[in-house]
């Protein structure tokens, strides 16, 4: 069986979820800002800044994904 590897950021996110008893909201509301993992607790590096073009491309991709999901759900509704 293939072992699933976590990226460092995903491993940090998993640790923060473990520390917060699996509660995503508690990770967001973490009260331990002195923790070395604190800046990374939401699953991304706060130090990487995206360009406006990159943000626009990400937004366009999300809109496309949401539209595809809506179409698939509508199609499933018609089939039922």
PDB file of N, CA and C in Angstrom:
ATOM      1  N   UNK A   1       0.842  -1.166   0.000  1.00  0.00           N
ATOM      2  CA  UNK A   1       0.000   0.000   0.000  1.00  0.00           C
ATOM      3  C   UNK A   1       0.897   1.242   0.000  1.00  0.00           C
ATOM      4  N   UNK A   2       0.496   2.233  -0.779  1.00  0.00           N
ATOM      5  CA  UNK A   2       1.280   3.456  -0.896  1.00  0.00           C
ATOM      6  C   UNK A   2       1.055   4.350   0.313  1.00  0.00           C
ATOM      7  N   UNK A   3       2.162   4.837   0.875  1.00  0.00           N
ATOM      8  CA  UNK A   3       2.083   5.719   2.034  1.00  0.00           C
ATOM      9  C   UNK A   3       1.765   7.136   1.577  1.00  0.00           C
ATOM     10  N   UNK A   4       0.789   7.756   2.212  1.00  0.00           N
ATOM     11  CA  UNK A   4       0.427   9.130   1.877  1.00  0.00           C
ATOM     12  C   UNK A   4       1.357  10.077   2.633  1.00  0.00           C
ATOM     13  N   UNK A   5       2.045  10.926   1.890  1.00  0.00           N
ATOM     14  CA  UNK A   5       2.975  11.870   2.501  1.00  0.00           C
ATOM     15  C   UNK A   5       2.322  13.232   2.612  1.00  0.00           C
ATOM     16  N   UNK A   6       2.580  13.865   3.726  1.00  0.00           N
ATOM     17  CA  UNK A   6       2.080  15.219   3.940  1.00  0.00           C
ATOM     18  C   UNK A   6       3.162  16.225   3.592  1.00  0.00           C
ATOM     19  N   UNK A   7       2.734  17.334   3.013  1.00  0.00           N
ATOM     20  CA  UNK A   7       3.671  18.432   2.834  1.00  0.00           C
ATOM     21  C   UNK A   7       3.912  19.031   4.214  1.00  0.00           C
ATOM     22  N   UNK A   8       4.980  19.790   4.405  1.00  0.00           N
ATOM     23  CA  UNK A   8       5.204  20.406   5.719  1.00  0.00           C
ATOM     24  C   UNK A   8       4.022  21.266   6.177  1.00  0.00           C
ATOM     25  N   UNK A   9       3.440  22.030   5.272  1.00  0.00           N
ATOM     26  CA  UNK A   9       2.301  22.876   5.649  1.00  0.00           C
ATOM     27  C   UNK A   9       1.112  22.026   6.069  1.00  0.00           C
ATOM     28  N   UNK A  10       0.843  20.945   5.344  1.00  0.00           N
ATOM     29  CA  UNK A  10      -0.274  20.065   5.711  1.00  0.00           C
ATOM     30  C   UNK A  10      -0.010  19.355   7.029  1.00  0.00           C
ATOM     31  N   UNK A  11       1.241  19.024   7.291  1.00  0.00           N
ATOM     32  CA  UNK A  11       1.593  18.397   8.565  1.00  0.00           C
ATOM     33  C   UNK A  11       1.365  19.376   9.717  1.00  0.00           C
ATOM     34  N   UNK A  12       1.720  20.625   9.506  1.00  0.00           N
ATOM     35  CA  UNK A  12       1.487  21.659  10.527  1.00  0.00           C
ATOM     36  C   UNK A  12      -0.010  21.819  10.758  1.00  0.00           C
ATOM     37  N   UNK A  13      -0.776  21.863   9.686  1.00  0.00           N
ATOM     38  CA  UNK A  13      -2.225  21.995   9.797  1.00  0.00           C
ATOM     39  C   UNK A  13      -2.794  20.813  10.589  1.00  0.00           C
ATOM     40  N   UNK A  14      -2.319  19.614  10.295  1.00  0.00           N
ATOM     41  CA  UNK A  14      -2.785  18.426  11.011  1.00  0.00           C
ATOM     42  C   UNK A  14      -2.455  18.517  12.498  1.00  0.00           C
ATOM     43  N   UNK A  15      -1.258  18.990  12.822  1.00  0.00           N
ATOM     44  CA  UNK A  15      -0.865  19.144  14.227  1.00  0.00           C
ATOM     45  C   UNK A  15      -1.758  20.158  14.933  1.00  0.00           C
ATOM     46  N   UNK A  16      -2.048  21.267  14.255  1.00  0.00           N
ATOM     47  CA  UNK A  16      -2.922  22.285  14.850  1.00  0.00           C
ATOM     48  C   UNK A  16      -4.327  21.733  15.072  1.00  0.00           C
ATOM     49  N   UNK A  17      -4.826  20.939  14.121  1.00  0.00           N
ATOM     50  CA  UNK A  17      -6.137  20.311  14.302  1.00  0.00           C
ATOM     51  C   UNK A  17      -6.108  19.340  15.473  1.00  0.00           C
ATOM     52  N   UNK A  18      -5.021  18.589  15.606  1.00  0.00           N
ATOM     53  CA  UNK A  18      -4.884  17.665  16.728  1.00  0.00           C
ATOM     54  C   UNK A  18      -4.885  18.433  18.053  1.00  0.00           C
ATOM     55  N   UNK A  19      -4.139  19.530  18.097  1.00  0.00           N
ATOM     56  CA  UNK A  19      -4.047  20.350  19.305  1.00  0.00           C
ATOM     57  C   UNK A  19      -5.411  20.940  19.674  1.00  0.00           C
ATOM     58  N   UNK A  20      -6.241  21.178  18.659  1.00  0.00           N
ATOM     59  CA  UNK A  20      -7.557  21.789  18.868  1.00  0.00           C
ATOM     60  C   UNK A  20      -8.683  20.755  18.875  1.00  0.00           C
ATOM     61  N   UNK A  21      -8.337  19.508  19.145  1.00  0.00           N
ATOM     62  CA  UNK A  21      -9.314  18.410  19.217  1.00  0.00           C
ATOM     63  C   UNK A  21     -10.113  18.263  17.924  1.00  0.00           C
ATOM     64  N   UNK A  22      -9.472  18.559  16.787  1.00  0.00           N
ATOM     65  CA  UNK A  22     -10.113  18.384  15.490  1.00  0.00           C
ATOM     66  C   UNK A  22     -11.101  19.467  15.111  1.00  0.00           C
ATOM     67  N   UNK A  23     -11.179  20.520  15.904  1.00  0.00           N
ATOM     68  CA  UNK A  23     -12.147  21.588  15.652  1.00  0.00           C
ATOM     69  C   UNK A  23     -11.503  22.679  14.803  1.00  0.00           C
ATOM     70  N   UNK A  24     -11.952  22.817  13.552  1.00  0.00           N
ATOM     71  CA  UNK A  24     -11.391  23.797  12.619  1.00  0.00           C
ATOM     72  C   UNK A  24     -11.543  25.219  13.159  1.00  0.00           C
ATOM     73  N   UNK A  25     -12.683  25.512  13.749  1.00  0.00           N
ATOM     74  CA  UNK A  25     -12.914  26.856  14.277  1.00  0.00           C
ATOM     75  C   UNK A  25     -11.934  27.189  15.400  1.00  0.00           C
ATOM     76  N   UNK A  26     -11.604  26.208  16.217  1.00  0.00           N
ATOM     77  CA  UNK A  26     -10.644  26.440  17.303  1.00  0.00           C
ATOM     78  C   UNK A  26      -9.251  26.717  16.766  1.00  0.00           C
ATOM     79  N   UNK A  27      -8.912  26.116  15.629  1.00  0.00           N
ATOM     80  CA  UNK A  27      -7.618  26.408  15.010  1.00  0.00           C
ATOM     81  C   UNK A  27      -7.575  27.878  14.607  1.00  0.00           C
ATOM     82  N   UNK A  28      -8.662  28.361  14.008  1.00  0.00           N
ATOM     83  CA  UNK A  28      -8.725  29.774  13.604  1.00  0.00           C
ATOM     84  C   UNK A  28      -8.634  30.694  14.814  1.00  0.00           C
ATOM     85  N   UNK A  29      -9.237  30.278  15.926  1.00  0.00           N
ATOM     86  CA  UNK A  29      -9.294  31.106  17.131  1.00  0.00           C
ATOM     87  C   UNK A  29      -8.171  30.796  18.121  1.00  0.00           C
ATOM     88  N   UNK A  30      -7.119  30.157  17.651  1.00  0.00           N
ATOM     89  CA  UNK A  30      -6.020  29.734  18.515  1.00  0.00           C
ATOM     90  C   UNK A  30      -5.564  30.875  19.436  1.00  0.00           C
ATOM     91  N   UNK A  31      -5.386  30.530  20.715  1.00  0.00           N
ATOM     92  CA  UNK A  31      -4.994  31.527  21.719  1.00  0.00           C
ATOM     93  C   UNK A  31      -3.535  31.389  22.122  1.00  0.00           C
ATOM     94  N   UNK A  32      -2.746  30.710  21.296  1.00  0.00           N
ATOM     95  CA  UNK A  32      -1.334  30.502  21.613  1.00  0.00           C
ATOM     96  C   UNK A  32      -0.462  31.133  20.517  1.00  0.00           C
ATOM     97  N   UNK A  33      -0.445  32.459  20.419  1.00  0.00           N
ATOM     98  CA  UNK A  33       0.340  33.105  19.356  1.00  0.00           C
ATOM     99  C   UNK A  33       1.842  32.903  19.507  1.00  0.00           C
ATOM    100  N   UNK A  34       2.312  32.449  20.676  1.00  0.00           N
ATOM    101  CA  UNK A  34       3.737  32.187  20.860  1.00  0.00           C
ATOM    102  C   UNK A  34       4.160  30.846  20.263  1.00  0.00           C
ATOM    103  N   UNK A  35       3.202  30.032  19.860  1.00  0.00           N
ATOM    104  CA  UNK A  35       3.504  28.737  19.257  1.00  0.00           C
ATOM    105  C   UNK A  35       4.244  28.969  17.936  1.00  0.00           C
ATOM    106  N   UNK A  36       5.321  28.240  17.696  1.00  0.00           N
ATOM    107  CA  UNK A  36       6.048  28.433  16.443  1.00  0.00           C
ATOM    108  C   UNK A  36       5.233  28.050  15.199  1.00  0.00           C
ATOM    109  N   UNK A  37       4.182  27.265  15.382  1.00  0.00           N
ATOM    110  CA  UNK A  37       3.336  26.875  14.251  1.00  0.00           C
ATOM    111  C   UNK A  37       2.207  27.868  13.986  1.00  0.00           C
ATOM    112  N   UNK A  38       1.986  28.795  14.886  1.00  0.00           N
ATOM    113  CA  UNK A  38       0.847  29.718  14.822  1.00  0.00           C
ATOM    114  C   UNK A  38       0.674  30.382  13.452  1.00  0.00           C
ATOM    115  N   UNK A  39       1.723  30.943  12.840  1.00  0.00           N
ATOM    116  CA  UNK A  39       1.513  31.619  11.551  1.00  0.00           C
ATOM    117  C   UNK A  39       1.061  30.681  10.430  1.00  0.00           C
ATOM    118  N   UNK A  40       1.294  29.382  10.598  1.00  0.00           N
ATOM    119  CA  UNK A  40       0.998  28.410   9.549  1.00  0.00           C
ATOM    120  C   UNK A  40      -0.256  27.596   9.835  1.00  0.00           C
ATOM    121  N   UNK A  41      -0.956  27.876  10.923  1.00  0.00           N
ATOM    122  CA  UNK A  41      -2.037  27.031  11.410  1.00  0.00           C
ATOM    123  C   UNK A  41      -3.212  26.899  10.434  1.00  0.00           C
ATOM    124  N   UNK A  42      -3.388  27.863   9.535  1.00  0.00           N
ATOM    125  CA  UNK A  42      -4.520  27.820   8.617  1.00  0.00           C
ATOM    126  C   UNK A  42      -4.216  27.060   7.329  1.00  0.00           C
ATOM    127  N   UNK A  43      -3.028  26.469   7.255  1.00  0.00           N
ATOM    128  CA  UNK A  43      -2.715  25.617   6.123  1.00  0.00           C
ATOM    129  C   UNK A  43      -2.002  26.289   4.972  1.00  0.00           C
ATOM    130  N   UNK A  44      -1.511  27.488   5.187  1.00  0.00           N
ATOM    131  CA  UNK A  44      -0.710  28.156   4.164  1.00  0.00           C
ATOM    132  C   UNK A  44       0.301  29.070   4.837  1.00  0.00           C
ATOM    133  N   UNK A  45       1.320  29.441   4.094  1.00  0.00           N
ATOM    134  CA  UNK A  45       2.355  30.326   4.633  1.00  0.00           C
ATOM    135  C   UNK A  45       1.906  31.780   4.515  1.00  0.00           C
ATOM    136  N   UNK A  46       1.901  32.508   5.607  1.00  0.00           N
ATOM    137  CA  UNK A  46       1.497  33.915   5.543  1.00  0.00           C
ATOM    138  C   UNK A  46       2.566  34.789   4.896  1.00  0.00           C
ATOM    139  N   UNK A  47       3.725  34.220   4.654  1.00  0.00           N
ATOM    140  CA  UNK A  47       4.838  34.999   4.130  1.00  0.00           C
ATOM    141  C   UNK A  47       4.921  34.970   2.614  1.00  0.00           C
ATOM    142  N   UNK A  48       4.111  34.133   1.977  1.00  0.00           N
ATOM    143  CA  UNK A  48       4.086  34.081   0.523  1.00  0.00           C
ATOM    144  C   UNK A  48       2.962  34.984   0.046  1.00  0.00           C
ATOM    145  N   UNK A  49       3.326  36.017  -0.667  1.00  0.00           N
ATOM    146  CA  UNK A  49       2.345  36.967  -1.187  1.00  0.00           C
ATOM    147  C   UNK A  49       2.116  36.696  -2.665  1.00  0.00           C
ATOM    148  N   UNK A  50       0.860  36.580  -3.053  1.00  0.00           N
ATOM    149  CA  UNK A  50       0.519  36.318  -4.443  1.00  0.00           C
ATOM    150  C   UNK A  50       0.362  37.628  -5.199  1.00  0.00           C
ATOM    151  N   UNK A  51       0.743  37.617  -6.457  1.00  0.00           N
ATOM    152  CA  UNK A  51       0.566  38.795  -7.298  1.00  0.00           C
ATOM    153  C   UNK A  51      -0.922  38.955  -7.610  1.00  0.00           C
ATOM    154  N   UNK A  52      -1.309  40.140  -8.046  1.00  0.00           N
ATOM    155  CA  UNK A  52      -2.709  40.376  -8.411  1.00  0.00           C
ATOM    156  C   UNK A  52      -3.138  39.454  -9.551  1.00  0.00           C
ATOM    157  N   UNK A  53      -2.237  39.214 -10.499  1.00  0.00           N
ATOM    158  CA  UNK A  53      -2.560  38.327 -11.617  1.00  0.00           C
ATOM    159  C   UNK A  53      -2.798  36.901 -11.118  1.00  0.00           C
ATOM    160  N   UNK A  54      -1.986  36.457 -10.169  1.00  0.00           N
ATOM    161  CA  UNK A  54      -2.142  35.111  -9.616  1.00  0.00           C
ATOM    162  C   UNK A  54      -3.455  35.004  -8.837  1.00  0.00           C
ATOM    163  N   UNK A  55      -3.780  36.045  -8.067  1.00  0.00           N
ATOM    164  CA  UNK A  55      -5.050  36.046  -7.329  1.00  0.00           C
ATOM    165  C   UNK A  55      -6.228  36.001  -8.289  1.00  0.00           C
ATOM    166  N   UNK A  56      -6.143  36.761  -9.383  1.00  0.00           N
ATOM    167  CA  UNK A  56      -7.227  36.775 -10.371  1.00  0.00           C
ATOM    168  C   UNK A  56      -7.371  35.407 -11.029  1.00  0.00           C
ATOM    169  N   UNK A  57      -6.253  34.761 -11.336  1.00  0.00           N
ATOM    170  CA  UNK A  57      -6.296  33.433 -11.934  1.00  0.00           C
ATOM    171  C   UNK A  57      -6.909  32.424 -10.971  1.00  0.00           C
ATOM    172  N   UNK A  58      -6.546  32.505  -9.703  1.00  0.00           N
ATOM    173  CA  UNK A  58      -7.134  31.610  -8.694  1.00  0.00           C
ATOM    174  C   UNK A  58      -8.633  31.830  -8.582  1.00  0.00           C
ATOM    175  N   UNK A  59      -9.061  33.090  -8.582  1.00  0.00           N
ATOM    176  CA  UNK A  59     -10.489  33.408  -8.488  1.00  0.00           C
ATOM    177  C   UNK A  59     -11.236  32.863  -9.699  1.00  0.00           C
ATOM    178  N   UNK A  60     -10.646  32.998 -10.887  1.00  0.00           N
ATOM    179  CA  UNK A  60     -11.284  32.489 -12.103  1.00  0.00           C
ATOM    180  C   UNK A  60     -11.399  30.969 -12.037  1.00  0.00           C
ATOM    181  N   UNK A  61     -10.363  30.307 -11.550  1.00  0.00           N
ATOM    182  CA  UNK A  61     -10.414  28.844 -11.413  1.00  0.00           C
ATOM    183  C   UNK A  61     -11.493  28.419 -10.431  1.00  0.00           C
ATOM    184  N   UNK A  62     -11.621  29.137  -9.322  1.00  0.00           N
ATOM    185  CA  UNK A  62     -12.661  28.807  -8.341  1.00  0.00           C
ATOM    186  C   UNK A  62     -14.049  28.995  -8.923  1.00  0.00           C
ATOM    187  N   UNK A  63     -14.244  30.097  -9.666  1.00  0.00           N
ATOM    188  CA  UNK A  63     -15.546  30.322 -10.296  1.00  0.00           C
ATOM    189  C   UNK A  63     -15.876  29.180 -11.257  1.00  0.00           C
ATOM    190  N   UNK A  64     -14.881  28.731 -12.021  1.00  0.00           N
ATOM    191  CA  UNK A  64     -15.073  27.638 -12.968  1.00  0.00           C
ATOM    192  C   UNK A  64     -15.453  26.356 -12.231  1.00  0.00           C
ATOM    193  N   UNK A  65     -14.762  26.055 -11.147  1.00  0.00           N
ATOM    194  CA  UNK A  65     -15.044  24.857 -10.359  1.00  0.00           C
ATOM    195  C   UNK A  65     -16.445  24.921  -9.770  1.00  0.00           C
ATOM    196  N   UNK A  66     -16.823  26.085  -9.230  1.00  0.00           N
ATOM    197  CA  UNK A  66     -18.156  26.236  -8.645  1.00  0.00           C
ATOM    198  C   UNK A  66     -19.237  26.071  -9.706  1.00  0.00           C
ATOM    199  N   UNK A  67     -19.012  26.626 -10.887  1.00  0.00           N
ATOM    200  CA  UNK A  67     -19.988  26.500 -11.968  1.00  0.00           C
ATOM    201  C   UNK A  67     -20.124  25.047 -12.405  1.00  0.00           C
ATOM    202  N   UNK A  68     -19.000  24.340 -12.520  1.00  0.00           N
ATOM    203  CA  UNK A  68     -19.054  22.927 -12.887  1.00  0.00           C
ATOM    204  C   UNK A  68     -19.801  22.114 -11.831  1.00  0.00           C
ATOM    205  N   UNK A  69     -19.578  22.437 -10.572  1.00  0.00           N
ATOM    206  CA  UNK A  69     -20.261  21.739  -9.485  1.00  0.00           C
ATOM    207  C   UNK A  69     -21.767  22.002  -9.533  1.00  0.00           C
ATOM    208  N   UNK A  70     -22.138  23.263  -9.780  1.00  0.00           N
ATOM    209  CA  UNK A  70     -23.568  23.597  -9.879  1.00  0.00           C
ATOM    210  C   UNK A  70     -24.222  22.857 -11.043  1.00  0.00           C
ATOM    211  N   UNK A  71     -23.519  22.792 -12.178  1.00  0.00           N
ATOM    212  CA  UNK A  71     -24.065  22.091 -13.338  1.00  0.00           C
ATOM    213  C   UNK A  71     -24.220  20.605 -13.046  1.00  0.00           C
ATOM    214  N   UNK A  72     -23.238  20.017 -12.381  1.00  0.00           N
ATOM    215  CA  UNK A  72     -23.318  18.598 -12.047  1.00  0.00           C
ATOM    216  C   UNK A  72     -24.476  18.326 -11.087  1.00  0.00           C
ATOM    217  N   UNK A  73     -24.672  19.204 -10.115  1.00  0.00           N
ATOM    218  CA  UNK A  73     -25.771  19.034  -9.160  1.00  0.00           C
ATOM    219  C   UNK A  73     -27.114  19.196  -9.854  1.00  0.00           C
ATOM    220  N   UNK A  74     -27.196  20.151 -10.781  1.00  0.00           N
ATOM    221  CA  UNK A  74     -28.435  20.350 -11.520  1.00  0.00           C
ATOM    222  C   UNK A  74     -28.728  19.139 -12.393  1.00  0.00           C
ATOM    223  N   UNK A  75     -27.699  18.592 -13.003  1.00  0.00           N
ATOM    224  CA  UNK A  75     -27.858  17.402 -13.843  1.00  0.00           C
ATOM    225  C   UNK A  75     -28.327  16.213 -13.011  1.00  0.00           C
ATOM    226  N   UNK A  76     -27.772  16.059 -11.812  1.00  0.00           N
ATOM    227  CA  UNK A  76     -28.194  14.960 -10.941  1.00  0.00           C
ATOM    228  C   UNK A  76     -29.635  15.135 -10.512  1.00  0.00           C
ATOM    229  N   UNK A  77     -30.033  16.381 -10.288  1.00  0.00           N
ATOM    230  CA  UNK A  77     -31.420  16.655  -9.916  1.00  0.00           C
ATOM    231  C   UNK A  77     -32.395  16.270 -11.012  1.00  0.00           C
ATOM    232  N   UNK A  78     -31.995  16.441 -12.269  1.00  0.00           N
ATOM    233  CA  UNK A  78     -32.856  16.089 -13.408  1.00  0.00           C
ATOM    234  C   UNK A  78     -32.961  14.579 -13.583  1.00  0.00           C
ATOM    235  N   UNK A  79     -31.891  13.867 -13.219  1.00  0.00           N
ATOM    236  CA  UNK A  79     -31.853  12.420 -13.385  1.00  0.00           C
ATOM    237  C   UNK A  79     -32.690  11.695 -12.354  1.00  0.00           C
ATOM    238  N   UNK A  80     -32.906  12.295 -11.219  1.00  0.00           N
ATOM    239  CA  UNK A  80     -33.611  11.633 -10.121  1.00  0.00           C
ATOM    240  C   UNK A  80     -35.088  11.585 -10.362  1.00  0.00           C
TER     241      UNK A  80
END
